[in-house]
Amino acid sequence: MERAAVDHIQQLISDEVTKRFPDTEIVQVSVLQYGDEPVVEPGELLVRIRIAAPEDEAGHERALDAFRSAHREAIERFRDELMRRLPEAGRLEFLAGGEGDQGVFLRIMLRASRSLESRALAGGELTPVMARLAPADLETLDTLITAGIAPNRADAVRWAIARIRERPAYSKLRDRAREIEELKAQF
């Protein structure tokens, strides 16, 4: 997405945040796109709202807890409206802390249909797995997304694993692993 379009979206969201949370000191509203941060997938936007908080980590946590308690319903309405008006937004984050801080996050996935949890609850037998990937690995997954092979990184990983299972060597490897487990059981 062109930077000017992202800046325009950022200004609209900033205005909306000021209206919805008038009693909160908003330090910064950012709209990040693919390439701005590794967590943002191709075609996705991340909306990050930074609220004022004391400089220590405990202060960050208190500020975020107080914000969440005071604005639970407003956060839900904002999330729903953001999903409807900005389908590219896949994540919403509220961050307590200063601009140079990592701070404490309240992360909200916007597209529940893309989340592993919602798929598992819908009857799929999916198990969430967290992996730390190197930049080359992320680039591989993002290439699969950009090429249209997978809609997101989780599906790209599942696609790649399915390709491994299709290889004849995998069934041999699986058989050997079972033999090893049987031998271990004999000890």
Foldseek 3Di string as FASTA:
>chain_A
DDPVVQVVVQVVVVVVCCVLCVVWAWQGWHKDAPPRDLVHAHLAIEIEIETEFDADQVRLVVVVVVCCVVCVVSVVVSLVVCCVPPVRYQKYWYFYHDPVDPGDIDIDGNPLVPDPVSVVVVPDPDDDDDDDDDPVVSVVQRVCCVVPVDVGSVVSVVVVVVVVVPDPVVVVVVVVVVVVVVVVVVD
